[in-house]
Amino acid sequence: MTILGTVDIRDFDLGCFLSLGAELSQFVIDGESRNQYVVEVPGVDTDLERFQGKIPVFFDAPEDPYQDFILPSFVFRKNDYTPAYERQPLTGTVARAPAPGAEKIVLANGMVGWSAYVEQLRGDPYDITYDLTIHGRRAMESNRMLKFVMVKMRPPWFCFKVIDSLGDVRYYDAGEMSFSNTSELADIADRTQSSTVSFTVRAEIDTWEDVPYSSMYDPRLRVQSGVEGRT
């Protein structure tokens, strides 16, 4: 049981697609129906018919296979996630609620409580670094894709969008952005015009289980229901 929504590492990976503005669509790839994140970049025409002319967005992970040299394309890569102890909060509780099966208690003075509670603890702060590599066929195409990224993820800081376990949208600071040229020229057929955008998300990952505890009570106080309750 969690009182508020929680977020884990995969939620932040998904946040890369959300922050870029990519949408999940269904396409037929290699004879199979698959879901694929795509985004439409103004001024970039593609010949990827299976993606309906939109640009595919991949995550560089084993469970998201993709073919080399799908051009144009965006590829996210997660690097490190480091505990950020300087952002550790002073208080560790974010919410409290009656425990499942707890008995409602009403004191003689009208105060209402429960026989047991659960507390949800605050998540741990982490700095997660990501790389977004832009693969284009030509310099003009790559430049327009880079401009699109700058609009969606405005340097030097931007709001990184994450959806928690209850479907609520959260925003986290993301910054310390850097841009680098990563173009390759293996040969004329496989050349790519690429650039990489690196950024750090100041994240919060829920790693604690809820803490159950019983209410303290004073037997000298009587409640209206006949049950002795919490002071």
Protein backbone atom coordinates (compact mmCIF):
# COMPACT_ATOMS: atom_id res chain seq x y z
CA MET A 1 0.00 0.00 0.00
CA THR A 2 1.25 3.46 -0.84
CA ILE A 3 -0.57 6.64 0.07
CA LEU A 4 0.96 8.87 -2.57
CA GLY A 5 2.29 7.84 -5.96
CA THR A 6 5.82 6.45 -6.15
CA VAL A 7 8.53 6.71 -8.80
CA ASP A 8 11.36 4.35 -9.67
CA ILE A 9 14.24 4.31 -12.14
CA ARG A 10 12.14 3.11 -15.07
CA ASP A 11 9.70 5.98 -14.56
CA PHE A 12 12.57 8.41 -15.13
CA ASP A 13 13.65 6.47 -18.24
CA LEU A 14 10.13 6.88 -19.56
CA GLY A 15 10.33 10.55 -18.61
CA CYS A 16 12.96 11.01 -21.33
CA PHE A 17 10.32 10.27 -23.98
CA LEU A 18 7.71 12.42 -22.25
CA SER A 19 10.05 15.38 -21.88
CA LEU A 20 10.95 15.19 -25.58
CA GLY A 21 7.27 15.12 -26.50
CA ALA A 22 7.34 11.65 -28.06
CA GLU A 23 4.11 9.69 -28.42
CA LEU A 24 3.58 5.94 -28.36
CA SER A 25 2.16 4.62 -31.64
CA GLN A 26 1.60 1.14 -33.07
CA PHE A 27 3.40 0.07 -36.23
CA VAL A 28 4.17 -3.13 -38.10
CA ILE A 29 7.92 -3.83 -37.90
CA ASP A 30 9.41 -6.97 -39.45
CA GLY A 31 5.93 -8.42 -39.83
CA GLU A 32 5.08 -7.90 -36.15
CA SER A 33 2.85 -5.30 -34.55
CA ARG A 34 4.91 -3.21 -32.11
CA ASN A 35 4.56 -0.09 -30.07
CA GLN A 36 7.12 2.56 -30.89
CA TYR A 37 7.75 6.07 -29.60
CA VAL A 38 7.85 8.62 -32.40
CA VAL A 39 8.02 12.39 -32.70
CA GLU A 40 7.36 14.79 -35.55
CA VAL A 41 10.07 17.40 -36.13
CA PRO A 42 9.12 20.43 -38.26
CA GLY A 43 11.13 20.66 -41.45
CA VAL A 44 12.45 17.09 -41.33
CA ASP A 45 11.01 14.80 -43.99
CA THR A 46 11.64 11.10 -43.52
CA ASP A 47 11.21 8.09 -45.77
CA LEU A 48 10.43 5.74 -42.90
CA GLU A 49 7.05 4.56 -44.13
CA ARG A 50 6.52 2.18 -41.24
CA PHE A 51 6.70 5.17 -38.88
CA GLN A 52 4.37 7.25 -41.05
CA GLY A 53 7.08 9.78 -41.75
CA LYS A 54 7.75 10.49 -38.07
CA ILE A 55 11.10 10.11 -36.33
CA PRO A 56 11.49 7.05 -34.04
CA VAL A 57 12.78 7.53 -30.51
CA PHE A 58 14.67 4.62 -28.95
CA PHE A 59 16.14 3.83 -25.55
CA ASP A 60 19.53 2.17 -25.64
CA ALA A 61 18.60 -0.89 -23.58
CA PRO A 62 18.42 -4.65 -24.24
CA GLU A 63 14.64 -4.77 -23.98
CA ASP A 64 14.25 -2.11 -26.68
CA PRO A 65 15.96 -3.62 -29.74
CA TYR A 66 16.51 -1.43 -32.77
CA GLN A 67 18.43 -1.64 -36.02
CA ASP A 68 21.60 0.30 -36.71
CA PHE A 69 21.46 3.24 -39.06
CA ILE A 70 17.75 3.98 -38.84
CA LEU A 71 18.04 7.57 -39.99
CA PRO A 72 16.85 9.94 -38.73
CA SER A 73 16.36 8.83 -35.12
CA PHE A 74 16.72 9.86 -31.48
CA VAL A 75 18.42 7.50 -29.01
CA PHE A 76 18.45 7.96 -25.23
CA ARG A 77 21.10 6.37 -23.04
CA LYS A 78 21.22 6.28 -19.24
CA ASN A 79 24.66 6.68 -17.73
CA ASP A 80 24.93 6.98 -13.94
CA TYR A 81 22.62 7.51 -11.00
CA THR A 82 24.41 8.82 -7.97
CA PRO A 83 22.99 9.46 -4.46
CA ALA A 84 22.74 13.21 -3.87
CA TYR A 85 23.23 13.39 -0.12
CA GLU A 86 23.26 17.19 -0.12
CA ARG A 87 19.57 17.09 -1.07
CA GLN A 88 18.58 14.57 1.59
CA PRO A 89 15.48 16.00 3.35
CA LEU A 90 15.38 16.63 7.07
CA THR A 91 12.02 14.91 7.49
CA GLY A 92 11.47 11.42 6.16
CA THR A 93 7.65 11.16 6.08
CA VAL A 94 5.50 12.41 3.21
CA ALA A 95 2.09 10.95 4.12
CA ARG A 96 0.19 8.96 6.72
CA ALA A 97 -3.05 6.98 6.43
CA PRO A 98 -5.08 4.46 8.44
CA ALA A 99 -3.70 0.95 8.13
CA PRO A 100 -5.82 -1.69 6.37
CA GLY A 101 -8.27 -3.16 8.86
CA ALA A 102 -7.66 -0.41 11.42
CA GLU A 103 -10.50 0.41 13.83
CA LYS A 104 -11.88 3.91 13.94
CA ILE A 105 -11.59 5.51 17.38
CA VAL A 106 -13.60 8.46 18.67
CA LEU A 107 -12.50 10.05 21.92
CA ALA A 108 -14.88 11.55 24.43
CA ASN A 109 -13.71 15.04 23.48
CA GLY A 110 -14.67 14.44 19.83
CA MET A 111 -11.22 13.70 18.43
CA VAL A 112 -11.19 10.98 15.78
CA GLY A 113 -8.34 8.59 15.09
CA TRP A 114 -7.48 5.01 14.13
CA SER A 115 -6.04 2.06 15.97
CA ALA A 116 -3.15 1.68 13.48
CA TYR A 117 -1.47 3.74 10.79
CA VAL A 118 0.99 3.38 7.95
CA GLU A 119 3.53 6.03 6.99
CA GLN A 120 5.03 6.54 3.56
CA LEU A 121 8.64 7.64 3.71
CA ARG A 122 10.23 10.19 1.40
CA GLY A 123 12.21 8.92 -1.58
CA ASP A 124 15.98 9.16 -1.78
CA PRO A 125 17.54 11.93 -3.91
CA TYR A 126 19.60 10.81 -6.90
CA ASP A 127 21.31 12.54 -9.78
CA ILE A 128 20.63 10.60 -12.99
CA THR A 129 22.62 11.45 -16.11
CA TYR A 130 21.31 10.82 -19.61
CA ASP A 131 22.61 11.23 -23.15
CA LEU A 132 20.32 11.97 -26.07
CA THR A 133 22.01 11.23 -29.39
CA ILE A 134 20.58 12.77 -32.55
CA HIS A 135 21.20 10.75 -35.71
CA GLY A 136 20.60 12.55 -38.99
CA ARG A 137 21.40 11.81 -42.60
CA ARG A 138 22.46 15.34 -43.43
CA ALA A 139 23.74 18.32 -41.48
CA MET A 140 20.60 20.40 -42.06
CA GLU A 141 18.42 17.54 -40.86
CA SER A 142 20.55 17.01 -37.75
CA ASN A 143 20.54 20.75 -36.98
CA ARG A 144 16.75 20.93 -37.14
CA MET A 145 16.46 17.93 -34.84
CA LEU A 146 18.89 19.59 -32.42
CA LYS A 147 16.82 22.78 -32.47
CA PHE A 148 13.72 20.70 -31.71
CA VAL A 149 15.47 19.24 -28.65
CA MET A 150 16.48 22.72 -27.50
CA VAL A 151 12.86 23.85 -27.71
CA LYS A 152 11.54 20.87 -25.73
CA MET A 153 14.45 20.73 -23.27
CA ARG A 154 15.46 24.34 -22.98
CA PRO A 155 19.05 24.85 -21.80
CA PRO A 156 20.53 25.41 -19.33
CA TRP A 157 17.65 24.02 -17.21
CA PHE A 158 14.31 22.44 -18.01
CA CYS A 159 11.46 20.63 -16.25
CA PHE A 160 11.78 16.88 -16.62
CA LYS A 161 8.34 15.21 -16.76
CA VAL A 162 7.66 11.96 -14.88
CA ILE A 163 4.41 10.04 -14.34
CA ASP A 164 4.20 8.30 -10.96
CA SER A 165 2.50 5.01 -10.05
CA LEU A 166 -0.89 6.72 -9.58
CA GLY A 167 -0.75 8.47 -12.95
CA ASP A 168 0.06 11.91 -11.56
CA VAL A 169 2.57 14.08 -13.41
CA ARG A 170 5.65 15.26 -11.53
CA TYR A 171 8.32 17.69 -12.62
CA TYR A 172 11.99 17.52 -11.65
CA ASP A 173 14.82 19.92 -12.31
CA ALA A 174 17.14 18.88 -15.12
CA GLY A 175 20.19 20.82 -16.06
CA GLU A 176 23.91 20.99 -16.50
CA MET A 177 23.30 20.39 -20.18
CA SER A 178 26.14 19.96 -22.63
CA PHE A 179 26.24 19.55 -26.40
CA SER A 180 28.85 17.66 -28.41
CA ASN A 181 29.42 16.66 -32.01
CA THR A 182 29.41 12.86 -32.39
CA SER A 183 29.25 12.54 -36.19
CA GLU A 184 30.74 9.42 -37.72
CA LEU A 185 31.99 8.62 -41.20
CA ALA A 186 32.61 4.87 -41.44
CA ASP A 187 32.15 5.11 -45.18
CA ILE A 188 30.00 7.09 -47.56
CA ALA A 189 27.03 4.72 -47.22
CA ASP A 190 26.98 4.68 -43.43
CA ARG A 191 27.82 8.27 -42.63
CA THR A 192 25.73 10.02 -39.98
CA GLN A 193 25.48 13.60 -38.84
CA SER A 194 25.10 13.26 -35.09
CA SER A 195 25.19 15.33 -31.96
CA THR A 196 24.72 14.35 -28.33
CA VAL A 197 22.87 16.28 -25.64
CA SER A 198 23.84 15.34 -22.08
CA PHE A 199 21.83 16.36 -19.02
CA THR A 200 21.38 15.53 -15.34
CA VAL A 201 18.00 14.93 -13.69
CA ARG A 202 17.72 15.77 -10.00
CA ALA A 203 15.53 12.80 -9.26
CA GLU A 204 13.87 11.22 -6.26
CA ILE A 205 13.54 7.42 -6.22
CA ASP A 206 11.23 5.61 -3.81
CA THR A 207 13.18 2.75 -2.21
CA TRP A 208 11.38 2.45 1.15
CA GLU A 209 8.49 0.24 2.18
CA ASP A 210 5.58 1.69 4.12
CA VAL A 211 6.02 1.67 7.91
CA PRO A 212 3.07 0.32 9.95
CA TYR A 213 2.61 1.21 13.61
CA SER A 214 -0.10 1.04 16.29
CA SER A 215 -1.60 4.09 17.96
CA MET A 216 -0.64 4.94 21.51
CA TYR A 217 -3.57 5.28 23.86
CA ASP A 218 -4.34 6.39 27.38
CA PRO A 219 -6.64 3.93 29.21
CA ARG A 220 -7.92 6.76 31.40
CA LEU A 221 -9.76 8.24 28.44
CA ARG A 222 -13.02 6.71 27.35
CA VAL A 223 -14.36 6.96 23.82
CA GLN A 224 -17.93 7.23 22.70
CA SER A 225 -17.81 3.85 20.99
CA GLY A 226 -16.66 2.15 24.19
CA VAL A 227 -13.15 1.52 22.83
CA GLU A 228 -10.17 3.10 24.47
CA GLY A 229 -8.35 5.25 21.99
CA ARG A 230 -5.39 7.40 21.11
CA THR A 231 -4.73 10.56 23.09
